[in-house]
C-alpha atoms as a PDB file:
ATOM      1  CA  UNK A   1      -6.173  17.997 -20.607  1.00  0.00           C
ATOM      2  CA  UNK A   2      -5.844  14.981 -18.330  1.00  0.00           C
ATOM      3  CA  UNK A   3      -2.588  14.141 -16.634  1.00  0.00           C
ATOM      4  CA  UNK A   4      -1.336  10.572 -16.495  1.00  0.00           C
ATOM      5  CA  UNK A   5      -0.042   9.295 -13.187  1.00  0.00           C
ATOM      6  CA  UNK A   6       2.017   6.216 -12.518  1.00  0.00           C
ATOM      7  CA  UNK A   7       0.603   4.596  -9.399  1.00  0.00           C
ATOM      8  CA  UNK A   8       2.730   2.249  -7.312  1.00  0.00           C
ATOM      9  CA  UNK A   9       1.895   0.228  -4.231  1.00  0.00           C
ATOM     10  CA  UNK A  10       4.154   2.547  -2.206  1.00  0.00           C
ATOM     11  CA  UNK A  11       1.797   5.430  -3.011  1.00  0.00           C
ATOM     12  CA  UNK A  12       2.682   9.105  -2.962  1.00  0.00           C
ATOM     13  CA  UNK A  13       1.619  12.425  -1.572  1.00  0.00           C
ATOM     14  CA  UNK A  14       0.278  13.298  -5.017  1.00  0.00           C
ATOM     15  CA  UNK A  15      -2.221  10.447  -4.806  1.00  0.00           C
ATOM     16  CA  UNK A  16      -3.386  11.734  -1.458  1.00  0.00           C
ATOM     17  CA  UNK A  17      -3.877  15.159  -3.024  1.00  0.00           C
ATOM     18  CA  UNK A  18      -6.190  13.581  -5.615  1.00  0.00           C
ATOM     19  CA  UNK A  19      -8.495  12.546  -2.794  1.00  0.00           C
ATOM     20  CA  UNK A  20     -10.814   9.558  -3.025  1.00  0.00           C
ATOM     21  CA  UNK A  21      -9.991   8.955  -6.698  1.00  0.00           C
ATOM     22  CA  UNK A  22      -6.275   8.612  -5.909  1.00  0.00           C
ATOM     23  CA  UNK A  23      -7.009   6.394  -2.927  1.00  0.00           C
ATOM     24  CA  UNK A  24      -9.281   4.141  -4.973  1.00  0.00           C
ATOM     25  CA  UNK A  25      -6.714   3.772  -7.764  1.00  0.00           C
ATOM     26  CA  UNK A  26      -3.942   3.063  -5.227  1.00  0.00           C
ATOM     27  CA  UNK A  27      -6.068   0.340  -3.613  1.00  0.00           C
ATOM     28  CA  UNK A  28      -6.632  -1.241  -7.041  1.00  0.00           C
ATOM     29  CA  UNK A  29      -2.864  -1.367  -7.650  1.00  0.00           C
ATOM     30  CA  UNK A  30      -2.185  -2.849  -4.212  1.00  0.00           C
ATOM     31  CA  UNK A  31      -4.876  -5.511  -4.674  1.00  0.00           C
ATOM     32  CA  UNK A  32      -3.548  -6.394  -8.141  1.00  0.00           C
ATOM     33  CA  UNK A  33      -0.026  -6.822  -6.730  1.00  0.00           C
ATOM     34  CA  UNK A  34      -1.338  -9.044  -3.921  1.00  0.00           C
ATOM     35  CA  UNK A  35      -3.086 -11.268  -6.467  1.00  0.00           C
ATOM     36  CA  UNK A  36       0.057 -11.468  -8.617  1.00  0.00           C
ATOM     37  CA  UNK A  37       2.144 -12.407  -5.569  1.00  0.00           C
ATOM     38  CA  UNK A  38      -0.357 -15.107  -4.562  1.00  0.00           C
ATOM     39  CA  UNK A  39      -0.444 -16.512  -8.095  1.00  0.00           C
ATOM     40  CA  UNK A  40       3.335 -16.573  -8.402  1.00  0.00           C
ATOM     41  CA  UNK A  41       3.610 -18.260  -4.996  1.00  0.00           C
ATOM     42  CA  UNK A  42       1.167 -20.940  -6.108  1.00  0.00           C
ATOM     43  CA  UNK A  43       3.093 -21.464  -9.351  1.00  0.00           C
ATOM     44  CA  UNK A  44       6.387 -21.693  -7.471  1.00  0.00           C
ATOM     45  CA  UNK A  45       4.835 -24.202  -5.086  1.00  0.00           C
ATOM     46  CA  UNK A  46       3.704 -26.376  -7.979  1.00  0.00           C
ATOM     47  CA  UNK A  47       7.159 -26.264  -9.572  1.00  0.00           C
ATOM     48  CA  UNK A  48       8.927 -27.292  -6.372  1.00  0.00           C
ATOM     49  CA  UNK A  49       6.600 -30.282  -5.823  1.00  0.00           C
ATOM     50  CA  UNK A  50       7.647 -31.897  -9.135  1.00  0.00           C
END
Protein backbone atom coordinates (compact mmCIF):
# COMPACT_ATOMS: atom_id res chain seq x y z
CA UNK A 1 0.00 0.00 0.00
CA UNK A 2 1.41 3.37 -1.02
CA UNK A 3 1.00 6.42 1.16
CA UNK A 4 0.07 9.76 -0.35
CA UNK A 5 2.01 12.79 0.79
CA UNK A 6 1.14 16.43 0.32
CA UNK A 7 4.34 18.22 -0.63
CA UNK A 8 4.70 21.95 -0.07
CA UNK A 9 7.52 24.32 -0.92
CA UNK A 10 8.25 24.66 2.81
CA UNK A 11 9.14 20.96 2.90
CA UNK A 12 9.09 18.73 5.95
CA UNK A 13 11.17 16.32 7.94
CA UNK A 14 9.10 13.50 6.46
CA UNK A 15 10.32 14.39 2.97
CA UNK A 16 13.88 14.26 4.20
CA UNK A 17 13.19 10.81 5.63
CA UNK A 18 12.10 9.66 2.16
CA UNK A 19 15.59 10.42 0.90
CA UNK A 20 16.33 11.31 -2.70
CA UNK A 21 12.75 10.62 -3.81
CA UNK A 22 11.38 13.15 -1.31
CA UNK A 23 14.04 15.68 -2.26
CA UNK A 24 13.31 15.28 -5.97
CA UNK A 25 9.55 15.70 -5.47
CA UNK A 26 10.12 18.75 -3.24
CA UNK A 27 12.32 20.34 -5.91
CA UNK A 28 9.59 19.75 -8.51
CA UNK A 29 7.05 21.55 -6.31
CA UNK A 30 9.40 24.47 -5.67
CA UNK A 31 10.18 24.83 -9.39
CA UNK A 32 6.47 24.69 -10.28
CA UNK A 33 5.72 27.45 -7.75
CA UNK A 34 8.54 29.60 -9.14
CA UNK A 35 7.12 29.24 -12.65
CA UNK A 36 3.61 30.11 -11.44
CA UNK A 37 4.94 33.20 -9.64
CA UNK A 38 6.85 34.32 -12.76
CA UNK A 39 3.79 33.80 -14.96
CA UNK A 40 1.50 35.69 -12.60
CA UNK A 41 4.02 38.53 -12.38
CA UNK A 42 4.12 38.75 -16.17
CA UNK A 43 0.32 38.76 -16.35
CA UNK A 44 0.10 41.46 -13.68
CA UNK A 45 2.67 43.51 -15.57
CA UNK A 46 0.63 43.29 -18.75
CA UNK A 47 -2.55 44.33 -16.93
CA UNK A 48 -0.93 47.38 -15.36
CA UNK A 49 0.47 48.61 -18.70
CA UNK A 50 -3.04 48.93 -20.22
